[in-house]
C-alpha atoms as a PDB file:
ATOM      1  CA  MET A   1      -2.884 -33.168   7.370  1.00  0.00           C
ATOM      2  CA  THR A   2      -5.030 -34.424   4.529  1.00  0.00           C
ATOM      3  CA  GLY A   3      -8.555 -35.697   4.432  1.00  0.00           C
ATOM      4  CA  PRO A   4     -12.029 -34.258   4.575  1.00  0.00           C
ATOM      5  CA  HIS A   5     -11.262 -31.714   7.299  1.00  0.00           C
ATOM      6  CA  SER A   6      -8.385 -30.102   5.428  1.00  0.00           C
ATOM      7  CA  SER A   7     -10.523 -29.529   2.322  1.00  0.00           C
ATOM      8  CA  ASP A   8     -13.319 -28.066   4.492  1.00  0.00           C
ATOM      9  CA  GLU A   9     -10.818 -25.741   6.187  1.00  0.00           C
ATOM     10  CA  ALA A  10      -9.397 -24.667   2.830  1.00  0.00           C
ATOM     11  CA  ARG A  11     -12.903 -23.993   1.470  1.00  0.00           C
ATOM     12  CA  ARG A  12     -13.781 -22.034   4.611  1.00  0.00           C
ATOM     13  CA  ALA A  13     -10.578 -19.977   4.328  1.00  0.00           C
ATOM     14  CA  GLU A  14     -11.276 -19.214   0.636  1.00  0.00           C
ATOM     15  CA  TRP A  15     -14.868 -18.152   1.378  1.00  0.00           C
ATOM     16  CA  ALA A  16     -13.697 -16.032   4.333  1.00  0.00           C
ATOM     17  CA  GLY A  17     -11.231 -14.300   1.979  1.00  0.00           C
ATOM     18  CA  VAL A  18     -13.935 -13.644  -0.596  1.00  0.00           C
ATOM     19  CA  LEU A  19     -16.287 -12.231   2.045  1.00  0.00           C
ATOM     20  CA  GLU A  20     -13.521 -10.038   3.450  1.00  0.00           C
ATOM     21  CA  GLU A  21     -12.751  -8.634  -0.006  1.00  0.00           C
ATOM     22  CA  MET A  22     -16.424  -7.933  -0.675  1.00  0.00           C
ATOM     23  CA  GLU A  23     -16.842  -6.258   2.720  1.00  0.00           C
ATOM     24  CA  GLY A  24     -13.890  -3.997   1.895  1.00  0.00           C
ATOM     25  CA  GLU A  25     -15.454  -3.032  -1.427  1.00  0.00           C
ATOM     26  CA  VAL A  26     -18.778  -2.174   0.224  1.00  0.00           C
ATOM     27  CA  LEU A  27     -16.955   0.037   2.753  1.00  0.00           C
ATOM     28  CA  ASP A  28     -15.028   1.717  -0.092  1.00  0.00           C
ATOM     29  CA  ALA A  29     -18.286   2.399  -1.934  1.00  0.00           C
ATOM     30  CA  GLU A  30     -19.787   3.797   1.256  1.00  0.00           C
ATOM     31  CA  ARG A  31     -16.793   6.118   1.689  1.00  0.00           C
ATOM     32  CA  SER A  32     -17.309   7.424  -1.856  1.00  0.00           C
ATOM     33  CA  ILE A  33     -20.959   8.148  -1.058  1.00  0.00           C
ATOM     34  CA  ARG A  34     -20.119   9.867   2.240  1.00  0.00           C
ATOM     35  CA  GLY A  35     -17.444  11.907   0.496  1.00  0.00           C
ATOM     36  CA  ASN A  36     -20.010  12.925  -2.121  1.00  0.00           C
ATOM     37  CA  ARG A  37     -17.520  12.126  -4.901  1.00  0.00           C
ATOM     38  CA  ALA A  38     -19.782  11.993  -7.957  1.00  0.00           C
ATOM     39  CA  GLU A  39     -17.248  10.382 -10.323  1.00  0.00           C
ATOM     40  CA  GLU A  40     -16.429   7.616  -7.847  1.00  0.00           C
ATOM     41  CA  ILE A  41     -20.111   7.055  -7.148  1.00  0.00           C
ATOM     42  CA  ALA A  42     -20.819   6.656 -10.881  1.00  0.00           C
ATOM     43  CA  ALA A  43     -17.849   4.235 -11.183  1.00  0.00           C
ATOM     44  CA  TRP A  44     -19.227   2.117  -8.336  1.00  0.00           C
ATOM     45  CA  GLY A  45     -22.581   2.057 -10.079  1.00  0.00           C
ATOM     46  CA  ARG A  46     -20.943   0.683 -13.229  1.00  0.00           C
ATOM     47  CA  ARG A  47     -18.983  -1.900 -11.212  1.00  0.00           C
ATOM     48  CA  MET A  48     -22.133  -3.317  -9.650  1.00  0.00           C
ATOM     49  CA  GLU A  49     -23.058  -4.805 -13.005  1.00  0.00           C
ATOM     50  CA  ASP A  50     -19.644  -6.493 -13.416  1.00  0.00           C
ATOM     51  CA  TRP A  51     -19.616  -8.676 -10.309  1.00  0.00           C
ATOM     52  CA  THR A  52     -20.171 -12.390 -10.661  1.00  0.00           C
ATOM     53  CA  PRO A  53     -20.261 -14.746  -7.697  1.00  0.00           C
ATOM     54  CA  PRO A  54     -17.429 -17.231  -7.350  1.00  0.00           C
ATOM     55  CA  THR A  55     -18.315 -20.663  -8.696  1.00  0.00           C
ATOM     56  CA  MET A  56     -15.227 -22.764  -7.872  1.00  0.00           C
ATOM     57  CA  LEU A  57     -15.469 -22.493  -4.076  1.00  0.00           C
ATOM     58  CA  GLY A  58     -18.259 -24.938  -3.484  1.00  0.00           C
ATOM     59  CA  PRO A  59     -21.107 -24.261  -1.055  1.00  0.00           C
ATOM     60  CA  LEU A  60     -20.792 -21.523   1.536  1.00  0.00           C
ATOM     61  CA  PRO A  61     -19.788 -23.055   4.901  1.00  0.00           C
ATOM     62  CA  VAL A  62     -22.577 -22.997   7.486  1.00  0.00           C
ATOM     63  CA  ASP A  63     -20.606 -20.939   9.976  1.00  0.00           C
ATOM     64  CA  LEU A  64     -20.143 -18.130   7.408  1.00  0.00           C
ATOM     65  CA  ARG A  65     -23.797 -17.895   6.366  1.00  0.00           C
ATOM     66  CA  GLU A  66     -24.761 -15.263   8.946  1.00  0.00           C
ATOM     67  CA  ARG A  67     -21.777 -13.123   7.961  1.00  0.00           C
ATOM     68  CA  ALA A  68     -22.692 -13.505   4.276  1.00  0.00           C
ATOM     69  CA  ALA A  69     -26.333 -12.572   5.023  1.00  0.00           C
ATOM     70  CA  ARG A  70     -25.239  -9.403   6.868  1.00  0.00           C
ATOM     71  CA  LEU A  71     -22.900  -8.552   3.986  1.00  0.00           C
ATOM     72  CA  LEU A  72     -25.733  -9.000   1.489  1.00  0.00           C
ATOM     73  CA  GLN A  73     -27.988  -6.641   3.439  1.00  0.00           C
ATOM     74  CA  HIS A  74     -25.174  -4.087   3.632  1.00  0.00           C
ATOM     75  CA  GLN A  75     -24.506  -4.444  -0.115  1.00  0.00           C
ATOM     76  CA  LEU A  76     -28.172  -3.947  -0.927  1.00  0.00           C
ATOM     77  CA  ALA A  77     -28.395  -0.825   1.235  1.00  0.00           C
ATOM     78  CA  VAL A  78     -25.252   0.671  -0.319  1.00  0.00           C
ATOM     79  CA  ALA A  79     -26.406  -0.269  -3.844  1.00  0.00           C
ATOM     80  CA  GLU A  80     -29.751   1.449  -3.219  1.00  0.00           C
ATOM     81  CA  GLU A  81     -27.958   4.574  -2.021  1.00  0.00           C
ATOM     82  CA  LEU A  82     -25.637   4.480  -5.049  1.00  0.00           C
ATOM     83  CA  VAL A  83     -28.607   4.309  -7.406  1.00  0.00           C
ATOM     84  CA  GLU A  84     -30.261   7.181  -5.554  1.00  0.00           C
ATOM     85  CA  ARG A  85     -27.129   9.337  -5.746  1.00  0.00           C
ATOM     86  CA  ILE A  86     -26.548   8.548  -9.433  1.00  0.00           C
ATOM     87  CA  THR A  87     -30.178   9.374 -10.236  1.00  0.00           C
ATOM     88  CA  GLN A  88     -29.982  12.609  -8.240  1.00  0.00           C
ATOM     89  CA  SER A  89     -26.750  13.578  -9.994  1.00  0.00           C
ATOM     90  CA  GLN A  90     -28.281  12.876 -13.405  1.00  0.00           C
ATOM     91  CA  ARG A  91     -31.304  15.046 -12.570  1.00  0.00           C
ATOM     92  CA  GLN A  92     -28.999  17.881 -11.515  1.00  0.00           C
ATOM     93  CA  ARG A  93     -27.051  17.594 -14.789  1.00  0.00           C
ATOM     94  CA  ASP A  94     -30.328  17.621 -16.786  1.00  0.00           C
ATOM     95  CA  VAL A  95     -31.543  20.768 -15.009  1.00  0.00           C
ATOM     96  CA  ALA A  96     -28.191  22.474 -15.472  1.00  0.00           C
ATOM     97  CA  ALA A  97     -28.171  21.580 -19.176  1.00  0.00           C
ATOM     98  CA  ARG A  98     -31.708  22.959 -19.680  1.00  0.00           C
ATOM     99  CA  MET A  99     -30.763  26.166 -17.868  1.00  0.00           C
ATOM    100  CA  ALA A 100     -27.595  26.587 -19.925  1.00  0.00           C
ATOM    101  CA  TYR A 101     -29.538  26.520 -23.199  1.00  0.00           C
ATOM    102  CA  ARG A 102     -32.495  28.613 -22.101  1.00  0.00           C
ATOM    103  CA  PRO A 103     -32.483  32.070 -23.739  1.00  0.00           C
ATOM    104  CA  ARG A 104     -31.578  34.746 -21.265  1.00  0.00           C
ATOM    105  CA  PRO A 105     -33.962  37.703 -20.828  1.00  0.00           C
ATOM    106  CA  VAL A 106     -32.812  40.897 -22.517  1.00  0.00           C
ATOM    107  CA  ALA A 107     -33.161  44.137 -20.659  1.00  0.00           C
ATOM    108  CA  ALA A 108     -35.669  46.493 -22.305  1.00  0.00           C
ATOM    109  CA  PHE A 109     -35.723  50.189 -21.594  1.00  0.00           C
ATOM    110  CA  VAL A 110     -38.720  52.321 -22.256  1.00  0.00           C
ATOM    111  CA  ASP A 111     -38.130  55.999 -22.847  1.00  0.00           C
ATOM    112  CA  ARG A 112     -41.076  57.647 -21.117  1.00  0.00           C
ATOM    113  CA  ALA A 113     -39.919  61.083 -22.217  1.00  0.00           C
ATOM    114  CA  LEU A 114     -41.322  60.566 -25.664  1.00  0.00           C
END
């Protein structure tokens, strides 16, 4: 079947696929956070900057807008938590680095017999 409906259905299917892929990535990022895997968390933080929205799909179909809005809210919450975890991890590394280079106290003995 060709015509306006078939192109609308194809566009809807493409958008649904994109949303499904993005939902999976958000859940993967959430699992990394829950597993407290610092390296994966940092990698997700770097990936956030790489994403670009699809441009060849046309406008988002009306019936997928609510799903996309929920996904956006979920993404924002996970992104906020990623930033918080990355910042916390950086602070911990900074404290550990300062402690590693701090001179250690030397034991001093006083001979009171003198």
